[in-house]
Amino acid sequence: METQLINIDGKDYFLKFGYGAFRVLGKIWKVETLEATGEKISKAFKNIDKKNGGFGFEQLDVLSDMIFSAIICKNPEVENISPCSILNLLEIKK
């Protein structure tokens, strides 16, 4: 399995997407099941504005939470990464 790495504010973090990341997302979103977590992701990305070619704030927030949960899953000692730091990594092009 390939290791994914992300750099936020000059510090490298390994990412781990999997069941643990979904548990972290569930805690963030205050949902109780894996299914409810998956539904929130599906709903957010089902509403992408394909006509105008862009992510809305809902999609960016969900994507930021997904990246955060993957960081926490692989690096449990991490306490404070701001959502803005994660969102600043995303380059949105039209």
C-alpha atoms as a PDB file:
ATOM      1  CA  MET A   1       0.000   0.000   0.000  1.00  0.00           C
ATOM      2  CA  GLU A   2       1.369   3.373  -1.010  1.00  0.00           C
ATOM      3  CA  THR A   3       1.967   5.874   1.780  1.00  0.00           C
ATOM      4  CA  GLN A   4       0.342   9.250   1.333  1.00  0.00           C
ATOM      5  CA  LEU A   5       2.019  12.334   2.732  1.00  0.00           C
ATOM      6  CA  ILE A   6       0.762  15.890   3.074  1.00  0.00           C
ATOM      7  CA  ASN A   7       2.627  19.034   4.127  1.00  0.00           C
ATOM      8  CA  ILE A   8       0.768  21.592   6.220  1.00  0.00           C
ATOM      9  CA  ASP A   9       2.495  24.760   7.346  1.00  0.00           C
ATOM     10  CA  GLY A  10       5.929  23.213   6.760  1.00  0.00           C
ATOM     11  CA  LYS A  11       5.262  19.958   8.634  1.00  0.00           C
ATOM     12  CA  ASP A  12       4.769  16.564   6.963  1.00  0.00           C
ATOM     13  CA  TYR A  13       1.909  14.290   7.992  1.00  0.00           C
ATOM     14  CA  PHE A  14       1.235  10.759   6.805  1.00  0.00           C
ATOM     15  CA  LEU A  15      -2.368  10.004   5.877  1.00  0.00           C
ATOM     16  CA  LYS A  16      -4.380   6.875   6.537  1.00  0.00           C
ATOM     17  CA  PHE A  17      -7.796   6.540   4.947  1.00  0.00           C
ATOM     18  CA  GLY A  18      -9.750   3.600   6.277  1.00  0.00           C
ATOM     19  CA  TYR A  19     -12.171   2.517   8.982  1.00  0.00           C
ATOM     20  CA  GLY A  20     -10.382   4.566  11.644  1.00  0.00           C
ATOM     21  CA  ALA A  21     -10.674   7.720   9.565  1.00  0.00           C
ATOM     22  CA  PHE A  22     -14.421   7.096   9.245  1.00  0.00           C
ATOM     23  CA  ARG A  23     -14.657   6.778  13.039  1.00  0.00           C
ATOM     24  CA  VAL A  24     -12.904  10.134  13.433  1.00  0.00           C
ATOM     25  CA  LEU A  25     -15.303  11.656  10.887  1.00  0.00           C
ATOM     26  CA  GLY A  26     -18.258  10.222  12.795  1.00  0.00           C
ATOM     27  CA  LYS A  27     -17.035  11.912  15.969  1.00  0.00           C
ATOM     28  CA  ILE A  28     -16.487  15.220  14.170  1.00  0.00           C
ATOM     29  CA  TRP A  29     -19.948  15.113  12.587  1.00  0.00           C
ATOM     30  CA  LYS A  30     -21.628  13.572  15.651  1.00  0.00           C
ATOM     31  CA  VAL A  31     -23.056  10.612  13.771  1.00  0.00           C
ATOM     32  CA  GLU A  32     -23.269   7.129  15.236  1.00  0.00           C
ATOM     33  CA  THR A  33     -22.733   4.765  12.301  1.00  0.00           C
ATOM     34  CA  LEU A  34     -20.425   4.078   9.409  1.00  0.00           C
ATOM     35  CA  GLU A  35     -23.439   4.276   7.103  1.00  0.00           C
ATOM     36  CA  ALA A  36     -24.389   7.775   8.319  1.00  0.00           C
ATOM     37  CA  THR A  37     -20.810   8.933   7.809  1.00  0.00           C
ATOM     38  CA  GLY A  38     -20.749   7.532   4.280  1.00  0.00           C
ATOM     39  CA  GLU A  39     -24.113   9.125   3.530  1.00  0.00           C
ATOM     40  CA  LYS A  40     -22.826  12.559   4.540  1.00  0.00           C
ATOM     41  CA  ILE A  41     -19.876  12.189   2.162  1.00  0.00           C
ATOM     42  CA  SER A  42     -22.078  10.899  -0.665  1.00  0.00           C
ATOM     43  CA  LYS A  43     -24.633  13.663  -0.186  1.00  0.00           C
ATOM     44  CA  ALA A  44     -21.984  16.397  -0.198  1.00  0.00           C
ATOM     45  CA  PHE A  45     -20.310  15.233  -3.383  1.00  0.00           C
ATOM     46  CA  LYS A  46     -23.560  14.407  -5.149  1.00  0.00           C
ATOM     47  CA  ASN A  47     -24.330  18.131  -5.083  1.00  0.00           C
ATOM     48  CA  ILE A  48     -21.197  19.274  -6.921  1.00  0.00           C
ATOM     49  CA  ASP A  49     -21.949  22.114  -9.308  1.00  0.00           C
ATOM     50  CA  LYS A  50     -20.762  20.398 -12.502  1.00  0.00           C
ATOM     51  CA  LYS A  51     -22.246  23.093 -14.700  1.00  0.00           C
ATOM     52  CA  ASN A  52     -20.065  25.799 -13.155  1.00  0.00           C
ATOM     53  CA  GLY A  53     -17.171  23.431 -12.460  1.00  0.00           C
ATOM     54  CA  GLY A  54     -16.713  24.077  -8.805  1.00  0.00           C
ATOM     55  CA  PHE A  55     -16.846  22.781  -5.306  1.00  0.00           C
ATOM     56  CA  GLY A  56     -19.116  24.654  -2.962  1.00  0.00           C
ATOM     57  CA  PHE A  57     -18.381  25.369   0.669  1.00  0.00           C
ATOM     58  CA  GLU A  58     -20.124  22.142   1.705  1.00  0.00           C
ATOM     59  CA  GLN A  59     -17.796  20.016  -0.418  1.00  0.00           C
ATOM     60  CA  LEU A  60     -14.700  21.904   0.742  1.00  0.00           C
ATOM     61  CA  ASP A  61     -15.710  21.470   4.391  1.00  0.00           C
ATOM     62  CA  VAL A  62     -16.278  17.736   3.928  1.00  0.00           C
ATOM     63  CA  LEU A  63     -12.997  17.333   2.044  1.00  0.00           C
ATOM     64  CA  SER A  64     -11.152  19.238   4.778  1.00  0.00           C
ATOM     65  CA  ASP A  65     -12.711  16.991   7.449  1.00  0.00           C
ATOM     66  CA  MET A  66     -11.746  13.893   5.455  1.00  0.00           C
ATOM     67  CA  ILE A  67      -8.114  15.018   5.212  1.00  0.00           C
ATOM     68  CA  PHE A  68      -8.081  15.930   8.915  1.00  0.00           C
ATOM     69  CA  SER A  69      -9.469  12.519   9.886  1.00  0.00           C
ATOM     70  CA  ALA A  70      -6.834  10.750   7.757  1.00  0.00           C
ATOM     71  CA  ILE A  71      -4.108  12.776   9.499  1.00  0.00           C
ATOM     72  CA  ILE A  72      -5.471  11.987  12.973  1.00  0.00           C
ATOM     73  CA  CYS A  73      -5.889   8.306  12.129  1.00  0.00           C
ATOM     74  CA  LYS A  74      -2.205   7.975  11.195  1.00  0.00           C
ATOM     75  CA  ASN A  75      -0.818  10.598  13.625  1.00  0.00           C
ATOM     76  CA  PRO A  76      -2.923  10.389  16.821  1.00  0.00           C
ATOM     77  CA  GLU A  77      -0.555  12.718  18.670  1.00  0.00           C
ATOM     78  CA  VAL A  78      -1.594  15.637  16.456  1.00  0.00           C
ATOM     79  CA  GLU A  79      -3.882  17.957  18.360  1.00  0.00           C
ATOM     80  CA  ASN A  80      -4.447  21.132  16.463  1.00  0.00           C
ATOM     81  CA  ILE A  81      -4.494  21.617  12.722  1.00  0.00           C
ATOM     82  CA  SER A  82      -6.773  24.392  11.580  1.00  0.00           C
ATOM     83  CA  PRO A  83      -9.305  23.736   8.820  1.00  0.00           C
ATOM     84  CA  CYS A  84      -7.943  26.826   7.061  1.00  0.00           C
ATOM     85  CA  SER A  85      -4.478  25.237   6.897  1.00  0.00           C
ATOM     86  CA  ILE A  86      -5.958  22.197   5.185  1.00  0.00           C
ATOM     87  CA  LEU A  87      -8.159  24.235   2.848  1.00  0.00           C
ATOM     88  CA  ASN A  88      -5.176  26.371   1.838  1.00  0.00           C
ATOM     89  CA  LEU A  89      -3.643  23.197   0.348  1.00  0.00           C
ATOM     90  CA  LEU A  90      -6.505  22.780  -2.068  1.00  0.00           C
ATOM     91  CA  GLU A  91      -5.983  24.637  -5.293  1.00  0.00           C
ATOM     92  CA  ILE A  92      -9.324  25.140  -6.958  1.00  0.00           C
ATOM     93  CA  LYS A  93      -9.145  25.749 -10.717  1.00  0.00           C
ATOM     94  CA  LYS A  94     -11.927  26.489 -13.152  1.00  0.00           C
END
